[in-house]
Amino acid sequence: MSHFWFNTIWYLLLGVTTVIQVVYTLYLSENRCRTFAFYLTLVGLPLYFETFILIFLDAYVYYPMIIRSPSLDPFNDVLVGNLFSQTAVAASALLLAVRQKPFSWNVVAAFLYCVVEEFFKALGIYSQHWWKTWMTFIGLLLMFVITKWMYSRLVQGLRTIYCYGYIIFGMFPVCTVLFLWGVLDLSGLMRFKATLLSNPKISRYGLYLVFFTISYPIMVWGYFRQHWIWKAAVFTVVGAIIYLGYVCHLLIFREGWFIPISILMILWIYVSVWILDSLYREQF
């Protein structure tokens, strides 16, 4: 219980501010479905960046103390903390872009996040390795500018190649975080091999990166093909990627679960594309 009041509560409060920002932005938005889809894209945008600096470059560590099961990799708890951080940042970026706030608001928002970062450091629920808070400030300013540009492109109407990119970014929270990690990995139904490289963390999440970097663009491309042959071909290719990972022992399935989980993975990746495409197209 002490961990909850000293660690977890602050991350939950950050989560509450995230929900408030998203709900407020959706309430004021002229097209709520499109705005929510854009939020998912914005969540994926920093998470791709975070994959490198948090996992591969060991920039910092979060201590939310939410996932504490001895049967699970302790790094899962770090990932939970990262999700609280990045969903909050994406919510602020969304609000600033949709409300078309001036650059001075970007500076204020970035500064406030730096204050929160220093506060979390002082509490001992977050620590930096080589990363510095001034880097967060610059990174947030850059993200807020990029977000406003992306939103203006969205309002004007996306060309096909941009549409693909927005959906692929949005698939990170919908597919990678929610399903591959949140359901399959944490339940032990399917995990990526942690012993391919000497560093288990880099091995495991490096395979994550390879998998969705290859399979997501393929599925998005196939989704927008009109002829069913192309869709069937894409399903086959993604299925072959999963099977190759299985026979090479890069994807570790719980015994007896390979076929149903493989089918579910393919369907979920496809459904993720459908969800995002539908939200971007829907008018509400």
C-alpha atoms as a PDB file:
ATOM      1  CA  MET A   1       0.000   0.000   0.000  1.00  0.00           C
ATOM      2  CA  SER A   2       2.908   2.381   0.715  1.00  0.00           C
ATOM      3  CA  HIS A   3       4.028   2.119  -2.929  1.00  0.00           C
ATOM      4  CA  PHE A   4       0.586   3.251  -4.041  1.00  0.00           C
ATOM      5  CA  TRP A   5       0.709   6.493  -2.048  1.00  0.00           C
ATOM      6  CA  PHE A   6       4.371   7.243  -2.764  1.00  0.00           C
ATOM      7  CA  ASN A   7       4.608   6.100  -6.401  1.00  0.00           C
ATOM      8  CA  THR A   8       1.424   5.014  -8.140  1.00  0.00           C
ATOM      9  CA  ILE A   9      -0.842   7.860  -7.047  1.00  0.00           C
ATOM     10  CA  TRP A  10       1.221  10.459  -8.903  1.00  0.00           C
ATOM     11  CA  TYR A  11       1.070   8.515 -12.150  1.00  0.00           C
ATOM     12  CA  LEU A  12      -2.678   8.078 -11.729  1.00  0.00           C
ATOM     13  CA  LEU A  13      -3.067  11.821 -11.206  1.00  0.00           C
ATOM     14  CA  LEU A  14      -1.103  12.353 -14.407  1.00  0.00           C
ATOM     15  CA  GLY A  15      -3.522   9.926 -16.066  1.00  0.00           C
ATOM     16  CA  VAL A  16      -6.487  11.946 -14.773  1.00  0.00           C
ATOM     17  CA  THR A  17      -5.089  15.126 -16.321  1.00  0.00           C
ATOM     18  CA  THR A  18      -4.685  13.205 -19.581  1.00  0.00           C
ATOM     19  CA  VAL A  19      -8.324  12.126 -19.597  1.00  0.00           C
ATOM     20  CA  ILE A  20      -9.482  15.653 -18.775  1.00  0.00           C
ATOM     21  CA  GLN A  21      -7.465  17.140 -21.631  1.00  0.00           C
ATOM     22  CA  VAL A  22      -8.685  14.572 -24.157  1.00  0.00           C
ATOM     23  CA  VAL A  23     -12.344  14.856 -23.111  1.00  0.00           C
ATOM     24  CA  TYR A  24     -12.181  18.654 -23.144  1.00  0.00           C
ATOM     25  CA  THR A  25     -10.591  18.690 -26.594  1.00  0.00           C
ATOM     26  CA  LEU A  26     -13.146  16.236 -27.968  1.00  0.00           C
ATOM     27  CA  TYR A  27     -15.982  18.298 -26.495  1.00  0.00           C
ATOM     28  CA  LEU A  28     -14.783  21.404 -28.321  1.00  0.00           C
ATOM     29  CA  SER A  29     -13.874  19.598 -31.527  1.00  0.00           C
ATOM     30  CA  GLU A  30     -15.945  19.936 -34.678  1.00  0.00           C
ATOM     31  CA  ASN A  31     -15.196  16.332 -35.643  1.00  0.00           C
ATOM     32  CA  ARG A  32     -14.766  14.175 -32.540  1.00  0.00           C
ATOM     33  CA  CYS A  33     -14.085  10.874 -34.291  1.00  0.00           C
ATOM     34  CA  ARG A  34     -11.333  12.368 -36.403  1.00  0.00           C
ATOM     35  CA  THR A  35      -9.892  14.173 -33.379  1.00  0.00           C
ATOM     36  CA  PHE A  36      -9.809  10.972 -31.326  1.00  0.00           C
ATOM     37  CA  ALA A  37      -8.140   9.115 -34.206  1.00  0.00           C
ATOM     38  CA  PHE A  38      -5.575  11.901 -34.367  1.00  0.00           C
ATOM     39  CA  TYR A  39      -4.977  11.505 -30.624  1.00  0.00           C
ATOM     40  CA  LEU A  40      -4.166   7.822 -31.166  1.00  0.00           C
ATOM     41  CA  THR A  41      -1.738   8.864 -33.886  1.00  0.00           C
ATOM     42  CA  LEU A  42      -0.138  11.358 -31.516  1.00  0.00           C
ATOM     43  CA  VAL A  43       0.236   8.697 -28.819  1.00  0.00           C
ATOM     44  CA  GLY A  44       2.074   6.512 -31.308  1.00  0.00           C
ATOM     45  CA  LEU A  45       4.326   9.327 -32.496  1.00  0.00           C
ATOM     46  CA  PRO A  46       6.363   9.787 -29.271  1.00  0.00           C
ATOM     47  CA  LEU A  47       6.194   6.062 -28.478  1.00  0.00           C
ATOM     48  CA  TYR A  48       8.166   5.234 -31.616  1.00  0.00           C
ATOM     49  CA  PHE A  49      10.775   7.737 -30.466  1.00  0.00           C
ATOM     50  CA  GLU A  50      10.630   6.388 -26.917  1.00  0.00           C
ATOM     51  CA  THR A  51      11.380   2.895 -28.182  1.00  0.00           C
ATOM     52  CA  PHE A  52      14.883   4.054 -28.965  1.00  0.00           C
ATOM     53  CA  ILE A  53      15.769   6.353 -26.077  1.00  0.00           C
ATOM     54  CA  LEU A  54      14.044   4.392 -23.294  1.00  0.00           C
ATOM     55  CA  ILE A  55      14.692   0.809 -24.366  1.00  0.00           C
ATOM     56  CA  PHE A  56      17.763   0.866 -26.585  1.00  0.00           C
ATOM     57  CA  LEU A  57      19.565   3.936 -25.228  1.00  0.00           C
ATOM     58  CA  ASP A  58      18.523   3.580 -21.571  1.00  0.00           C
ATOM     59  CA  ALA A  59      17.739   7.281 -21.172  1.00  0.00           C
ATOM     60  CA  TYR A  60      15.656   7.123 -17.990  1.00  0.00           C
ATOM     61  CA  VAL A  61      13.494   4.899 -15.786  1.00  0.00           C
ATOM     62  CA  TYR A  62       9.957   5.169 -14.413  1.00  0.00           C
ATOM     63  CA  TYR A  63       8.852   3.671 -11.087  1.00  0.00           C
ATOM     64  CA  PRO A  64       5.012   3.637 -11.021  1.00  0.00           C
ATOM     65  CA  MET A  65       4.962   0.355  -9.053  1.00  0.00           C
ATOM     66  CA  ILE A  66       1.859  -0.882 -10.875  1.00  0.00           C
ATOM     67  CA  ILE A  67       3.085  -4.157 -12.421  1.00  0.00           C
ATOM     68  CA  ARG A  68       4.896  -5.941  -9.597  1.00  0.00           C
ATOM     69  CA  SER A  69       4.209  -9.607 -10.358  1.00  0.00           C
ATOM     70  CA  PRO A  70       7.315 -11.781  -9.800  1.00  0.00           C
ATOM     71  CA  SER A  71       6.385 -13.814 -12.888  1.00  0.00           C
ATOM     72  CA  LEU A  72       6.733 -10.763 -15.163  1.00  0.00           C
ATOM     73  CA  ASP A  73       9.751  -8.830 -16.362  1.00  0.00           C
ATOM     74  CA  PRO A  74      10.228  -5.810 -14.020  1.00  0.00           C
ATOM     75  CA  PHE A  75      10.747  -3.633 -17.090  1.00  0.00           C
ATOM     76  CA  ASN A  76       7.004  -3.937 -17.779  1.00  0.00           C
ATOM     77  CA  ASP A  77       6.449  -1.540 -14.903  1.00  0.00           C
ATOM     78  CA  VAL A  78       8.791   0.967 -16.552  1.00  0.00           C
ATOM     79  CA  LEU A  79       6.726   0.680 -19.736  1.00  0.00           C
ATOM     80  CA  VAL A  80       3.546   1.437 -17.800  1.00  0.00           C
ATOM     81  CA  GLY A  81       5.124   4.593 -16.448  1.00  0.00           C
ATOM     82  CA  ASN A  82       6.178   5.548 -19.949  1.00  0.00           C
ATOM     83  CA  LEU A  83       2.602   5.106 -21.178  1.00  0.00           C
ATOM     84  CA  PHE A  84       1.309   7.531 -18.555  1.00  0.00           C
ATOM     85  CA  SER A  85       3.938  10.038 -19.638  1.00  0.00           C
ATOM     86  CA  GLN A  86       3.455   9.787 -23.385  1.00  0.00           C
ATOM     87  CA  THR A  87      -0.349   9.689 -23.348  1.00  0.00           C
ATOM     88  CA  ALA A  88      -0.271  12.889 -21.278  1.00  0.00           C
ATOM     89  CA  VAL A  89       2.135  14.587 -23.683  1.00  0.00           C
ATOM     90  CA  ALA A  90      -0.011  13.524 -26.644  1.00  0.00           C
ATOM     91  CA  ALA A  91      -3.145  14.906 -24.932  1.00  0.00           C
ATOM     92  CA  SER A  92      -1.506  18.309 -24.480  1.00  0.00           C
ATOM     93  CA  ALA A  93      -0.247  18.304 -28.054  1.00  0.00           C
ATOM     94  CA  LEU A  94      -3.761  17.485 -29.252  1.00  0.00           C
ATOM     95  CA  LEU A  95      -5.305  20.308 -27.231  1.00  0.00           C
ATOM     96  CA  LEU A  96      -2.778  22.870 -28.458  1.00  0.00           C
ATOM     97  CA  ALA A  97      -3.228  21.813 -32.086  1.00  0.00           C
ATOM     98  CA  VAL A  98      -7.025  21.554 -32.164  1.00  0.00           C
ATOM     99  CA  ARG A  99      -7.500  24.858 -30.320  1.00  0.00           C
ATOM    100  CA  GLN A 100      -4.818  26.494 -32.496  1.00  0.00           C
ATOM    101  CA  LYS A 101      -3.001  27.992 -29.535  1.00  0.00           C
ATOM    102  CA  PRO A 102      -0.059  30.354 -30.231  1.00  0.00           C
ATOM    103  CA  PHE A 103       3.550  29.303 -29.773  1.00  0.00           C
ATOM    104  CA  SER A 104       3.706  30.919 -26.326  1.00  0.00           C
ATOM    105  CA  TRP A 105       1.295  28.217 -25.105  1.00  0.00           C
ATOM    106  CA  ASN A 106       3.697  25.580 -26.408  1.00  0.00           C
ATOM    107  CA  VAL A 107       6.447  27.103 -24.284  1.00  0.00           C
ATOM    108  CA  VAL A 108       4.245  27.188 -21.171  1.00  0.00           C
ATOM    109  CA  ALA A 109       3.081  23.585 -21.661  1.00  0.00           C
ATOM    110  CA  ALA A 110       6.643  22.330 -22.228  1.00  0.00           C
ATOM    111  CA  PHE A 111       7.825  24.196 -19.128  1.00  0.00           C
ATOM    112  CA  LEU A 112       5.039  22.686 -16.996  1.00  0.00           C
ATOM    113  CA  TYR A 113       5.995  19.174 -18.114  1.00  0.00           C
ATOM    114  CA  CYS A 114       9.593  19.910 -17.163  1.00  0.00           C
ATOM    115  CA  VAL A 115       8.377  20.980 -13.723  1.00  0.00           C
ATOM    116  CA  VAL A 116       6.470  17.701 -13.409  1.00  0.00           C
ATOM    117  CA  GLU A 117       9.569  15.800 -14.529  1.00  0.00           C
ATOM    118  CA  GLU A 118      11.709  17.466 -11.869  1.00  0.00           C
ATOM    119  CA  PHE A 119       8.983  16.861  -9.291  1.00  0.00           C
ATOM    120  CA  PHE A 120       8.896  13.148 -10.147  1.00  0.00           C
ATOM    121  CA  LYS A 121      12.689  13.048  -9.848  1.00  0.00           C
ATOM    122  CA  ALA A 122      12.523  14.679  -6.423  1.00  0.00           C
ATOM    123  CA  LEU A 123       9.968  12.091  -5.310  1.00  0.00           C
ATOM    124  CA  GLY A 124      12.208   9.272  -6.539  1.00  0.00           C
ATOM    125  CA  ILE A 125       9.515   7.856  -8.825  1.00  0.00           C
ATOM    126  CA  TYR A 126      11.465   8.678 -11.984  1.00  0.00           C
ATOM    127  CA  SER A 127      15.190   8.896 -12.620  1.00  0.00           C
ATOM    128  CA  GLN A 128      17.334  10.038 -15.509  1.00  0.00           C
ATOM    129  CA  HIS A 129      20.490   8.357 -16.771  1.00  0.00           C
ATOM    130  CA  TRP A 130      22.047  10.458 -19.524  1.00  0.00           C
ATOM    131  CA  TRP A 131      18.802  12.265 -20.387  1.00  0.00           C
ATOM    132  CA  LYS A 132      18.389  15.845 -19.127  1.00  0.00           C
ATOM    133  CA  THR A 133      15.239  17.851 -18.461  1.00  0.00           C
ATOM    134  CA  TRP A 134      16.244  20.553 -20.939  1.00  0.00           C
ATOM    135  CA  MET A 135      16.107  17.855 -23.611  1.00  0.00           C
ATOM    136  CA  THR A 136      12.490  17.228 -22.644  1.00  0.00           C
ATOM    137  CA  PHE A 137      11.763  20.934 -23.079  1.00  0.00           C
ATOM    138  CA  ILE A 138      13.251  21.064 -26.572  1.00  0.00           C
ATOM    139  CA  GLY A 139      11.680  17.733 -27.551  1.00  0.00           C
ATOM    140  CA  LEU A 140       8.221  18.886 -26.458  1.00  0.00           C
ATOM    141  CA  LEU A 141       8.496  22.164 -28.342  1.00  0.00           C
ATOM    142  CA  LEU A 142       9.437  20.206 -31.448  1.00  0.00           C
ATOM    143  CA  MET A 143       6.566  17.771 -30.951  1.00  0.00           C
ATOM    144  CA  PHE A 144       4.024  20.552 -30.459  1.00  0.00           C
ATOM    145  CA  VAL A 145       5.142  22.237 -33.680  1.00  0.00           C
ATOM    146  CA  ILE A 146       5.022  18.954 -35.600  1.00  0.00           C
ATOM    147  CA  THR A 147       1.573  18.202 -34.159  1.00  0.00           C
ATOM    148  CA  LYS A 148       0.157  21.517 -35.335  1.00  0.00           C
ATOM    149  CA  TRP A 149       1.554  20.897 -38.810  1.00  0.00           C
ATOM    150  CA  MET A 150       0.093  17.390 -38.859  1.00  0.00           C
ATOM    151  CA  TYR A 151      -3.294  18.649 -37.710  1.00  0.00           C
ATOM    152  CA  SER A 152      -3.390  21.360 -40.383  1.00  0.00           C
ATOM    153  CA  ARG A 153      -2.654  18.695 -43.009  1.00  0.00           C
ATOM    154  CA  LEU A 154      -5.432  16.556 -41.561  1.00  0.00           C
ATOM    155  CA  VAL A 155      -7.991  19.364 -41.724  1.00  0.00           C
ATOM    156  CA  GLN A 156      -7.027  20.201 -45.309  1.00  0.00           C
ATOM    157  CA  GLY A 157      -7.387  16.543 -46.343  1.00  0.00           C
ATOM    158  CA  LEU A 158      -4.736  13.864 -46.301  1.00  0.00           C
ATOM    159  CA  ARG A 159      -3.108  12.432 -49.379  1.00  0.00           C
ATOM    160  CA  THR A 160      -2.867   8.647 -49.434  1.00  0.00           C
ATOM    161  CA  ILE A 161       0.734   8.418 -48.261  1.00  0.00           C
ATOM    162  CA  TYR A 162       0.028  10.712 -45.291  1.00  0.00           C
ATOM    163  CA  CYS A 163      -3.074   8.713 -44.445  1.00  0.00           C
ATOM    164  CA  TYR A 164      -0.974   5.552 -44.295  1.00  0.00           C
ATOM    165  CA  GLY A 165       1.474   7.233 -41.947  1.00  0.00           C
ATOM    166  CA  TYR A 166      -1.206   8.552 -39.582  1.00  0.00           C
ATOM    167  CA  ILE A 167      -2.775   5.109 -39.339  1.00  0.00           C
ATOM    168  CA  ILE A 168       0.550   3.315 -38.805  1.00  0.00           C
ATOM    169  CA  PHE A 169       1.398   5.663 -35.916  1.00  0.00           C
ATOM    170  CA  GLY A 170      -2.084   5.103 -34.469  1.00  0.00           C
ATOM    171  CA  MET A 171      -1.618   1.352 -34.610  1.00  0.00           C
ATOM    172  CA  PHE A 172       1.087   1.567 -31.946  1.00  0.00           C
ATOM    173  CA  PRO A 173      -1.336   2.188 -29.049  1.00  0.00           C
ATOM    174  CA  VAL A 174      -4.225   0.214 -30.571  1.00  0.00           C
ATOM    175  CA  CYS A 175      -2.287  -2.874 -31.633  1.00  0.00           C
ATOM    176  CA  THR A 176       1.207  -2.942 -30.122  1.00  0.00           C
ATOM    177  CA  VAL A 177       0.400  -1.566 -26.662  1.00  0.00           C
ATOM    178  CA  LEU A 178      -3.160  -2.736 -26.149  1.00  0.00           C
ATOM    179  CA  PHE A 179      -3.029  -6.171 -27.764  1.00  0.00           C
ATOM    180  CA  LEU A 180       0.496  -7.473 -28.415  1.00  0.00           C
ATOM    181  CA  TRP A 181       1.887  -6.238 -25.110  1.00  0.00           C
ATOM    182  CA  GLY A 182      -1.154  -5.600 -22.931  1.00  0.00           C
ATOM    183  CA  VAL A 183      -2.971  -8.857 -23.716  1.00  0.00           C
ATOM    184  CA  LEU A 184      -0.618 -11.417 -25.253  1.00  0.00           C
ATOM    185  CA  ASP A 185       2.696 -10.521 -23.613  1.00  0.00           C
ATOM    186  CA  LEU A 186       1.493  -9.812 -20.084  1.00  0.00           C
ATOM    187  CA  SER A 187      -0.723 -12.919 -20.091  1.00  0.00           C
ATOM    188  CA  GLY A 188       2.107 -15.100 -21.402  1.00  0.00           C
ATOM    189  CA  LEU A 189       0.126 -16.263 -24.432  1.00  0.00           C
ATOM    190  CA  MET A 190       2.786 -14.922 -26.792  1.00  0.00           C
ATOM    191  CA  ARG A 191       6.086 -13.232 -26.100  1.00  0.00           C
ATOM    192  CA  PHE A 192       9.080 -12.219 -28.156  1.00  0.00           C
ATOM    193  CA  LYS A 193      12.321 -14.067 -27.439  1.00  0.00           C
ATOM    194  CA  ALA A 194      14.458 -12.413 -24.764  1.00  0.00           C
ATOM    195  CA  THR A 195      17.628 -14.442 -25.327  1.00  0.00           C
ATOM    196  CA  LEU A 196      18.394 -13.686 -28.970  1.00  0.00           C
ATOM    197  CA  LEU A 197      20.876 -11.022 -27.849  1.00  0.00           C
ATOM    198  CA  SER A 198      22.967 -10.717 -24.710  1.00  0.00           C
ATOM    199  CA  ASN A 199      20.692  -7.957 -23.442  1.00  0.00           C
ATOM    200  CA  PRO A 200      17.217  -9.500 -22.832  1.00  0.00           C
ATOM    201  CA  LYS A 201      15.471  -6.114 -22.967  1.00  0.00           C
ATOM    202  CA  ILE A 202      16.958  -5.160 -26.320  1.00  0.00           C
ATOM    203  CA  SER A 203      16.325  -8.660 -27.667  1.00  0.00           C
ATOM    204  CA  ARG A 204      12.676  -8.672 -26.682  1.00  0.00           C
ATOM    205  CA  TYR A 205      11.733  -5.181 -27.752  1.00  0.00           C
ATOM    206  CA  GLY A 206      14.014  -5.213 -30.754  1.00  0.00           C
ATOM    207  CA  LEU A 207      11.897  -8.063 -32.079  1.00  0.00           C
ATOM    208  CA  TYR A 208       8.780  -6.035 -31.300  1.00  0.00           C
ATOM    209  CA  LEU A 209      10.208  -3.231 -33.411  1.00  0.00           C
ATOM    210  CA  VAL A 210      11.087  -5.524 -36.311  1.00  0.00           C
ATOM    211  CA  PHE A 211       7.666  -7.173 -36.250  1.00  0.00           C
ATOM    212  CA  PHE A 212       5.492  -4.082 -36.380  1.00  0.00           C
ATOM    213  CA  THR A 213       7.859  -2.177 -38.692  1.00  0.00           C
ATOM    214  CA  ILE A 214       7.376  -4.926 -41.286  1.00  0.00           C
ATOM    215  CA  SER A 215       3.814  -6.126 -40.696  1.00  0.00           C
ATOM    216  CA  TYR A 216       1.968  -2.845 -40.087  1.00  0.00           C
ATOM    217  CA  PRO A 217       2.783  -1.105 -43.397  1.00  0.00           C
ATOM    218  CA  ILE A 218       2.019  -4.329 -45.261  1.00  0.00           C
ATOM    219  CA  MET A 219      -1.394  -4.639 -43.604  1.00  0.00           C
ATOM    220  CA  VAL A 220      -2.234  -0.966 -44.121  1.00  0.00           C
ATOM    221  CA  TRP A 221      -1.343  -1.218 -47.811  1.00  0.00           C
ATOM    222  CA  GLY A 222      -3.467  -4.352 -48.223  1.00  0.00           C
ATOM    223  CA  TYR A 223      -6.411  -2.843 -46.359  1.00  0.00           C
ATOM    224  CA  PHE A 224      -6.765  -0.090 -48.944  1.00  0.00           C
ATOM    225  CA  ARG A 225      -6.557  -2.446 -51.923  1.00  0.00           C
ATOM    226  CA  GLN A 226      -9.970  -2.970 -53.507  1.00  0.00           C
ATOM    227  CA  HIS A 227      -9.515  -6.481 -54.871  1.00  0.00           C
ATOM    228  CA  TRP A 228      -9.881  -9.323 -52.390  1.00  0.00           C
ATOM    229  CA  ILE A 229      -6.825 -11.098 -53.855  1.00  0.00           C
ATOM    230  CA  TRP A 230      -4.537  -8.389 -52.487  1.00  0.00           C
ATOM    231  CA  LYS A 231      -6.158  -8.588 -49.076  1.00  0.00           C
ATOM    232  CA  ALA A 232      -5.745 -12.362 -49.044  1.00  0.00           C
ATOM    233  CA  ALA A 233      -2.126 -11.977 -50.114  1.00  0.00           C
ATOM    234  CA  VAL A 234      -1.446  -9.532 -47.278  1.00  0.00           C
ATOM    235  CA  PHE A 235      -3.079 -11.855 -44.732  1.00  0.00           C
ATOM    236  CA  THR A 236      -0.867 -14.629 -46.056  1.00  0.00           C
ATOM    237  CA  VAL A 237       2.303 -12.547 -45.846  1.00  0.00           C
ATOM    238  CA  VAL A 238       1.636 -11.413 -42.269  1.00  0.00           C
ATOM    239  CA  GLY A 239       0.749 -14.993 -41.345  1.00  0.00           C
ATOM    240  CA  ALA A 240       4.025 -16.153 -42.896  1.00  0.00           C
ATOM    241  CA  ILE A 241       5.935 -13.569 -40.827  1.00  0.00           C
ATOM    242  CA  ILE A 242       4.318 -14.902 -37.659  1.00  0.00           C
ATOM    243  CA  TYR A 243       4.997 -18.514 -38.661  1.00  0.00           C
ATOM    244  CA  LEU A 244       8.624 -17.712 -39.492  1.00  0.00           C
ATOM    245  CA  GLY A 245       9.023 -16.110 -36.089  1.00  0.00           C
ATOM    246  CA  TYR A 246       7.480 -19.194 -34.496  1.00  0.00           C
ATOM    247  CA  VAL A 247       9.662 -21.792 -36.232  1.00  0.00           C
ATOM    248  CA  CYS A 248      12.779 -19.686 -35.566  1.00  0.00           C
ATOM    249  CA  HIS A 249      11.754 -19.475 -31.889  1.00  0.00           C
ATOM    250  CA  LEU A 250      11.588 -15.696 -32.025  1.00  0.00           C
ATOM    251  CA  LEU A 251       7.908 -15.732 -31.108  1.00  0.00           C
ATOM    252  CA  ILE A 252       7.217 -17.891 -28.054  1.00  0.00           C
ATOM    253  CA  PHE A 253       3.624 -19.110 -27.839  1.00  0.00           C
ATOM    254  CA  ARG A 254       2.028 -20.867 -24.896  1.00  0.00           C
ATOM    255  CA  GLU A 255       1.821 -24.554 -25.710  1.00  0.00           C
ATOM    256  CA  GLY A 256      -1.182 -25.386 -27.870  1.00  0.00           C
ATOM    257  CA  TRP A 257      -2.025 -21.755 -28.576  1.00  0.00           C
ATOM    258  CA  PHE A 258      -0.047 -21.081 -31.760  1.00  0.00           C
ATOM    259  CA  ILE A 259      -2.889 -21.389 -34.282  1.00  0.00           C
ATOM    260  CA  PRO A 260      -5.633 -19.457 -32.424  1.00  0.00           C
ATOM    261  CA  ILE A 261      -3.261 -16.698 -31.303  1.00  0.00           C
ATOM    262  CA  SER A 262      -1.739 -16.377 -34.790  1.00  0.00           C
ATOM    263  CA  ILE A 263      -5.199 -15.975 -36.334  1.00  0.00           C
ATOM    264  CA  LEU A 264      -6.151 -13.493 -33.638  1.00  0.00           C
ATOM    265  CA  MET A 265      -2.964 -11.487 -34.223  1.00  0.00           C
ATOM    266  CA  ILE A 266      -3.654 -11.188 -37.945  1.00  0.00           C
ATOM    267  CA  LEU A 267      -7.267 -10.202 -37.372  1.00  0.00           C
ATOM    268  CA  TRP A 268      -6.382  -7.676 -34.685  1.00  0.00           C
ATOM    269  CA  ILE A 269      -3.806  -5.972 -36.875  1.00  0.00           C
ATOM    270  CA  TYR A 270      -6.399  -5.718 -39.649  1.00  0.00           C
ATOM    271  CA  VAL A 271      -9.123  -4.529 -37.269  1.00  0.00           C
ATOM    272  CA  SER A 272      -6.743  -1.893 -35.893  1.00  0.00           C
ATOM    273  CA  VAL A 273      -6.393  -0.453 -39.391  1.00  0.00           C
ATOM    274  CA  TRP A 274     -10.166  -0.588 -39.839  1.00  0.00           C
ATOM    275  CA  ILE A 275     -10.812   1.192 -36.525  1.00  0.00           C
ATOM    276  CA  LEU A 276      -8.426   4.025 -37.311  1.00  0.00           C
ATOM    277  CA  ASP A 277      -9.609   4.383 -40.897  1.00  0.00           C
ATOM    278  CA  SER A 278     -13.246   4.450 -39.742  1.00  0.00           C
ATOM    279  CA  LEU A 279     -12.533   7.086 -37.093  1.00  0.00           C
ATOM    280  CA  TYR A 280     -10.683   9.277 -39.566  1.00  0.00           C
ATOM    281  CA  ARG A 281     -13.548   9.003 -42.056  1.00  0.00           C
ATOM    282  CA  GLU A 282     -16.433   9.330 -39.582  1.00  0.00           C
ATOM    283  CA  GLN A 283     -18.085  12.695 -39.042  1.00  0.00           C
ATOM    284  CA  PHE A 284     -19.237  13.252 -35.445  1.00  0.00           C
END
